[in-house]
Amino acid sequence: MPSQYLCMSHIPKPASPFKIPRSVLVVIHTPELQVLLLKRSDEQGKSSGVWQSVTGSLDFEAESWIDCAVREVREETGLDALASGHVLTDWKLENSYDIWPHYLHRYAPGISRNTERVLGLCIPAPVRVRLSPSEHVDQLWLAWEDAARQVSSASNEAAIWRLGVWFAADS
């Protein structure tokens, strides 16, 4: 099982006109392997039909994966990833993929690939989270197998399947 982190640093965020091509994917789950999925909104705030785990890019070059995960979880769900009873784990897995052409304008010229770090956040039980309306329009807790089938991203699907495999091996 990957290592766990319980603290974070605070580094000031410099302004940048472009997104950094490094992001986190945080699979939020319970010990019983219920997985939280969020339904993405489009640019008009309507449902895009895309279900996913928490995702987001580093805000500045020196931001750590853990700090980014803590921030994104708070921004997208209102949850405190470092709260008592919550266990944030860096799975030490990375995915690299081509950035979709309609998002390339958000990145510096010449950037066409993103590196995604996978982490997990185990919380004691399913809870109703506070969605960021500019990012998500709905939420759903599903058994891990169903969640893996529901997500739109191949890397998100693989991460949820890995969660199930790890927990099955620990049982």
C-alpha atoms as a PDB file:
ATOM      1  CA  MET A   1       0.000   0.000   0.000  1.00  0.00           C
ATOM      2  CA  PRO A   2       1.337   3.518  -0.769  1.00  0.00           C
ATOM      3  CA  SER A   3       2.654   5.875   1.888  1.00  0.00           C
ATOM      4  CA  GLN A   4       0.376   8.287   3.765  1.00  0.00           C
ATOM      5  CA  TYR A   5       0.798  12.015   4.385  1.00  0.00           C
ATOM      6  CA  LEU A   6      -0.605  14.058   7.236  1.00  0.00           C
ATOM      7  CA  CYS A   7       0.819  17.556   6.753  1.00  0.00           C
ATOM      8  CA  MET A   8       1.246  20.190   4.077  1.00  0.00           C
ATOM      9  CA  SER A   9       3.297  23.321   3.472  1.00  0.00           C
ATOM     10  CA  HIS A  10       2.060  26.763   2.495  1.00  0.00           C
ATOM     11  CA  ILE A  11       3.959  28.447  -0.318  1.00  0.00           C
ATOM     12  CA  PRO A  12       2.769  31.708  -1.891  1.00  0.00           C
ATOM     13  CA  LYS A  13       1.296  31.281  -5.355  1.00  0.00           C
ATOM     14  CA  PRO A  14       2.902  33.363  -8.134  1.00  0.00           C
ATOM     15  CA  ALA A  15       0.646  34.521 -10.957  1.00  0.00           C
ATOM     16  CA  SER A  16       0.925  32.665 -14.265  1.00  0.00           C
ATOM     17  CA  PRO A  17      -1.156  33.096 -17.403  1.00  0.00           C
ATOM     18  CA  PHE A  18      -0.901  29.375 -18.241  1.00  0.00           C
ATOM     19  CA  LYS A  19      -1.896  26.141 -16.570  1.00  0.00           C
ATOM     20  CA  ILE A  20       0.923  23.902 -15.393  1.00  0.00           C
ATOM     21  CA  PRO A  21       0.823  20.533 -17.191  1.00  0.00           C
ATOM     22  CA  ARG A  22       0.919  18.554 -13.937  1.00  0.00           C
ATOM     23  CA  SER A  23      -2.269  17.550 -12.160  1.00  0.00           C
ATOM     24  CA  VAL A  24      -3.678  15.302  -9.462  1.00  0.00           C
ATOM     25  CA  LEU A  25      -6.404  12.691  -9.566  1.00  0.00           C
ATOM     26  CA  VAL A  26      -7.786  12.042  -6.068  1.00  0.00           C
ATOM     27  CA  VAL A  27     -10.010   8.990  -5.575  1.00  0.00           C
ATOM     28  CA  ILE A  28     -12.166   9.694  -2.500  1.00  0.00           C
ATOM     29  CA  HIS A  29     -13.436   6.474  -0.922  1.00  0.00           C
ATOM     30  CA  THR A  30     -14.576   4.830   2.295  1.00  0.00           C
ATOM     31  CA  PRO A  31     -13.065   1.763   4.007  1.00  0.00           C
ATOM     32  CA  GLU A  32     -15.969  -0.221   2.496  1.00  0.00           C
ATOM     33  CA  LEU A  33     -14.813   0.982  -0.958  1.00  0.00           C
ATOM     34  CA  GLN A  34     -17.681   3.329  -1.713  1.00  0.00           C
ATOM     35  CA  VAL A  35     -16.230   5.862  -4.178  1.00  0.00           C
ATOM     36  CA  LEU A  36     -17.312   9.482  -4.594  1.00  0.00           C
ATOM     37  CA  LEU A  37     -17.901  10.612  -8.172  1.00  0.00           C
ATOM     38  CA  LEU A  38     -18.534  14.184  -9.290  1.00  0.00           C
ATOM     39  CA  LYS A  39     -20.433  15.141 -12.439  1.00  0.00           C
ATOM     40  CA  ARG A  40     -18.467  17.752 -14.346  1.00  0.00           C
ATOM     41  CA  SER A  41     -20.124  20.958 -15.535  1.00  0.00           C
ATOM     42  CA  ASP A  42     -19.466  22.478 -18.937  1.00  0.00           C
ATOM     43  CA  GLU A  43     -18.325  26.074 -19.450  1.00  0.00           C
ATOM     44  CA  GLN A  44     -21.940  27.278 -19.162  1.00  0.00           C
ATOM     45  CA  GLY A  45     -22.390  25.545 -15.784  1.00  0.00           C
ATOM     46  CA  LYS A  46     -24.553  22.750 -17.203  1.00  0.00           C
ATOM     47  CA  SER A  47     -23.922  19.034 -16.960  1.00  0.00           C
ATOM     48  CA  SER A  48     -21.252  17.772 -19.335  1.00  0.00           C
ATOM     49  CA  GLY A  49     -22.257  14.167 -18.636  1.00  0.00           C
ATOM     50  CA  VAL A  50     -18.718  13.389 -17.453  1.00  0.00           C
ATOM     51  CA  TRP A  51     -18.356  11.614 -14.094  1.00  0.00           C
ATOM     52  CA  GLN A  52     -14.970  11.791 -12.398  1.00  0.00           C
ATOM     53  CA  SER A  53     -12.978  11.825  -9.191  1.00  0.00           C
ATOM     54  CA  VAL A  54     -11.427  15.059  -7.911  1.00  0.00           C
ATOM     55  CA  THR A  55      -8.897  16.434 -10.401  1.00  0.00           C
ATOM     56  CA  GLY A  56      -6.904  19.604 -10.780  1.00  0.00           C
ATOM     57  CA  SER A  57      -3.645  21.156 -11.873  1.00  0.00           C
ATOM     58  CA  LEU A  58      -0.822  22.429  -9.735  1.00  0.00           C
ATOM     59  CA  ASP A  59      -1.295  26.148  -9.106  1.00  0.00           C
ATOM     60  CA  PHE A  60       2.442  26.919  -9.126  1.00  0.00           C
ATOM     61  CA  GLU A  61       5.651  25.064  -9.952  1.00  0.00           C
ATOM     62  CA  ALA A  62       6.732  24.507  -6.338  1.00  0.00           C
ATOM     63  CA  GLU A  63       3.345  23.172  -5.186  1.00  0.00           C
ATOM     64  CA  SER A  64       3.686  19.554  -4.051  1.00  0.00           C
ATOM     65  CA  TRP A  65       1.349  16.767  -5.171  1.00  0.00           C
ATOM     66  CA  ILE A  66       0.020  16.531  -1.612  1.00  0.00           C
ATOM     67  CA  ASP A  67      -0.610  20.266  -1.314  1.00  0.00           C
ATOM     68  CA  CYS A  68      -2.364  20.264  -4.679  1.00  0.00           C
ATOM     69  CA  ALA A  69      -4.530  17.292  -3.660  1.00  0.00           C
ATOM     70  CA  VAL A  70      -5.501  18.927  -0.351  1.00  0.00           C
ATOM     71  CA  ARG A  71      -6.401  22.177  -2.143  1.00  0.00           C
ATOM     72  CA  GLU A  72      -8.362  20.497  -4.945  1.00  0.00           C
ATOM     73  CA  VAL A  73     -10.331  18.290  -2.531  1.00  0.00           C
ATOM     74  CA  ARG A  74     -11.257  21.380  -0.494  1.00  0.00           C
ATOM     75  CA  GLU A  75     -12.161  23.445  -3.590  1.00  0.00           C
ATOM     76  CA  GLU A  76     -14.232  20.730  -5.290  1.00  0.00           C
ATOM     77  CA  THR A  77     -15.908  19.068  -2.279  1.00  0.00           C
ATOM     78  CA  GLY A  78     -15.427  21.235   0.805  1.00  0.00           C
ATOM     79  CA  LEU A  79     -13.744  18.269   2.533  1.00  0.00           C
ATOM     80  CA  ASP A  80     -10.587  18.727   4.587  1.00  0.00           C
ATOM     81  CA  ALA A  81      -8.267  15.964   3.377  1.00  0.00           C
ATOM     82  CA  LEU A  82      -6.174  16.333   6.543  1.00  0.00           C
ATOM     83  CA  ALA A  83      -9.077  16.178   9.025  1.00  0.00           C
ATOM     84  CA  SER A  84      -9.043  13.617  11.813  1.00  0.00           C
ATOM     85  CA  GLY A  85     -10.261  10.291  10.470  1.00  0.00           C
ATOM     86  CA  HIS A  86      -9.288  11.147   6.879  1.00  0.00           C
ATOM     87  CA  VAL A  87      -6.264   9.428   5.336  1.00  0.00           C
ATOM     88  CA  LEU A  88      -4.658  11.009   2.278  1.00  0.00           C
ATOM     89  CA  THR A  89      -2.370   8.589   0.460  1.00  0.00           C
ATOM     90  CA  ASP A  90       0.007   9.231  -2.420  1.00  0.00           C
ATOM     91  CA  TRP A  91      -0.303   6.116  -4.579  1.00  0.00           C
ATOM     92  CA  LYS A  92       2.948   7.098  -6.327  1.00  0.00           C
ATOM     93  CA  LEU A  93       1.377   6.393  -9.715  1.00  0.00           C
ATOM     94  CA  GLU A  94       1.637   8.781 -12.630  1.00  0.00           C
ATOM     95  CA  ASN A  95      -0.152   8.906 -15.955  1.00  0.00           C
ATOM     96  CA  SER A  96       1.007  10.926 -18.934  1.00  0.00           C
ATOM     97  CA  TYR A  97      -1.417  11.807 -21.691  1.00  0.00           C
ATOM     98  CA  ASP A  98      -2.042  14.195 -24.567  1.00  0.00           C
ATOM     99  CA  ILE A  99      -3.980  17.317 -23.628  1.00  0.00           C
ATOM    100  CA  TRP A 100      -7.226  17.514 -25.603  1.00  0.00           C
ATOM    101  CA  PRO A 101      -6.844  20.006 -28.486  1.00  0.00           C
ATOM    102  CA  HIS A 102      -9.726  22.227 -27.256  1.00  0.00           C
ATOM    103  CA  TYR A 103      -7.816  22.758 -23.948  1.00  0.00           C
ATOM    104  CA  LEU A 104      -4.350  23.478 -25.412  1.00  0.00           C
ATOM    105  CA  HIS A 105      -4.949  27.255 -25.293  1.00  0.00           C
ATOM    106  CA  ARG A 106      -4.826  27.043 -21.475  1.00  0.00           C
ATOM    107  CA  TYR A 107      -1.169  25.893 -21.583  1.00  0.00           C
ATOM    108  CA  ALA A 108       2.051  27.589 -22.673  1.00  0.00           C
ATOM    109  CA  PRO A 109       2.889  27.314 -26.368  1.00  0.00           C
ATOM    110  CA  GLY A 110       4.473  23.966 -27.193  1.00  0.00           C
ATOM    111  CA  ILE A 111       2.887  22.123 -24.247  1.00  0.00           C
ATOM    112  CA  SER A 112       0.821  19.165 -25.416  1.00  0.00           C
ATOM    113  CA  ARG A 113       1.123  16.550 -22.640  1.00  0.00           C
ATOM    114  CA  ASN A 114       0.053  16.433 -18.978  1.00  0.00           C
ATOM    115  CA  THR A 115       1.392  14.346 -16.104  1.00  0.00           C
ATOM    116  CA  GLU A 116      -1.264  13.224 -13.629  1.00  0.00           C
ATOM    117  CA  ARG A 117      -0.373  11.984 -10.115  1.00  0.00           C
ATOM    118  CA  VAL A 118      -2.840   9.561  -8.495  1.00  0.00           C
ATOM    119  CA  LEU A 119      -3.751   9.817  -4.801  1.00  0.00           C
ATOM    120  CA  GLY A 120      -6.467   8.380  -2.590  1.00  0.00           C
ATOM    121  CA  LEU A 121      -8.446   9.921   0.256  1.00  0.00           C
ATOM    122  CA  CYS A 122     -10.147   7.495   2.613  1.00  0.00           C
ATOM    123  CA  ILE A 123     -12.920   9.006   4.729  1.00  0.00           C
ATOM    124  CA  PRO A 124     -14.972   7.113   7.346  1.00  0.00           C
ATOM    125  CA  ALA A 125     -18.330   7.094   5.521  1.00  0.00           C
ATOM    126  CA  PRO A 126     -20.111   8.593   2.504  1.00  0.00           C
ATOM    127  CA  VAL A 127     -21.081  12.230   3.050  1.00  0.00           C
ATOM    128  CA  ARG A 128     -22.883  14.826   0.992  1.00  0.00           C
ATOM    129  CA  VAL A 129     -20.127  17.181  -0.198  1.00  0.00           C
ATOM    130  CA  ARG A 130     -20.265  20.884  -1.047  1.00  0.00           C
ATOM    131  CA  LEU A 131     -19.805  21.083  -4.806  1.00  0.00           C
ATOM    132  CA  SER A 132     -18.077  23.923  -6.593  1.00  0.00           C
ATOM    133  CA  PRO A 133     -20.874  24.967  -8.998  1.00  0.00           C
ATOM    134  CA  SER A 134     -18.380  26.210 -11.580  1.00  0.00           C
ATOM    135  CA  GLU A 135     -16.882  22.710 -11.762  1.00  0.00           C
ATOM    136  CA  HIS A 136     -19.523  20.122 -10.835  1.00  0.00           C
ATOM    137  CA  VAL A 137     -23.295  19.753 -10.895  1.00  0.00           C
ATOM    138  CA  ASP A 138     -23.905  16.461  -9.082  1.00  0.00           C
ATOM    139  CA  GLN A 139     -22.359  13.823  -6.836  1.00  0.00           C
ATOM    140  CA  LEU A 140     -22.749  10.123  -6.404  1.00  0.00           C
ATOM    141  CA  TRP A 141     -21.356   7.424  -4.103  1.00  0.00           C
ATOM    142  CA  LEU A 142     -20.984   4.023  -5.761  1.00  0.00           C
ATOM    143  CA  ALA A 143     -19.378   0.677  -4.993  1.00  0.00           C
ATOM    144  CA  TRP A 144     -15.880   0.726  -6.466  1.00  0.00           C
ATOM    145  CA  GLU A 145     -16.699  -1.648  -9.347  1.00  0.00           C
ATOM    146  CA  ASP A 146     -19.671   0.506 -10.404  1.00  0.00           C
ATOM    147  CA  ALA A 147     -17.665   3.707  -9.984  1.00  0.00           C
ATOM    148  CA  ALA A 148     -14.900   2.348 -12.224  1.00  0.00           C
ATOM    149  CA  ARG A 149     -17.481   1.648 -14.938  1.00  0.00           C
ATOM    150  CA  GLN A 150     -19.142   5.084 -14.529  1.00  0.00           C
ATOM    151  CA  VAL A 151     -16.120   7.388 -14.952  1.00  0.00           C
ATOM    152  CA  SER A 152     -15.261   8.833 -18.345  1.00  0.00           C
ATOM    153  CA  SER A 153     -11.463   8.862 -18.077  1.00  0.00           C
ATOM    154  CA  ALA A 154      -9.378   5.734 -18.648  1.00  0.00           C
ATOM    155  CA  SER A 155      -6.851   6.817 -16.000  1.00  0.00           C
ATOM    156  CA  ASN A 156      -9.652   7.418 -13.472  1.00  0.00           C
ATOM    157  CA  GLU A 157     -11.127   3.993 -14.248  1.00  0.00           C
ATOM    158  CA  ALA A 158      -7.716   2.331 -13.808  1.00  0.00           C
ATOM    159  CA  ALA A 159      -7.150   4.130 -10.479  1.00  0.00           C
ATOM    160  CA  ILE A 160     -10.479   2.937  -9.076  1.00  0.00           C
ATOM    161  CA  TRP A 161      -9.812  -0.651 -10.213  1.00  0.00           C
ATOM    162  CA  ARG A 162      -6.388  -0.447  -8.528  1.00  0.00           C
ATOM    163  CA  LEU A 163      -8.110   0.652  -5.306  1.00  0.00           C
ATOM    164  CA  GLY A 164     -10.246  -2.481  -5.379  1.00  0.00           C
ATOM    165  CA  VAL A 165      -7.245  -4.715  -6.088  1.00  0.00           C
ATOM    166  CA  TRP A 166      -5.184  -3.194  -3.238  1.00  0.00           C
ATOM    167  CA  PHE A 167      -7.965  -3.612  -0.711  1.00  0.00           C
ATOM    168  CA  ALA A 168      -8.701  -7.159  -1.870  1.00  0.00           C
ATOM    169  CA  ALA A 169      -5.014  -8.006  -1.387  1.00  0.00           C
ATOM    170  CA  ASP A 170      -5.056  -6.530   2.138  1.00  0.00           C
ATOM    171  CA  SER A 171      -8.135  -8.545   3.162  1.00  0.00           C
END
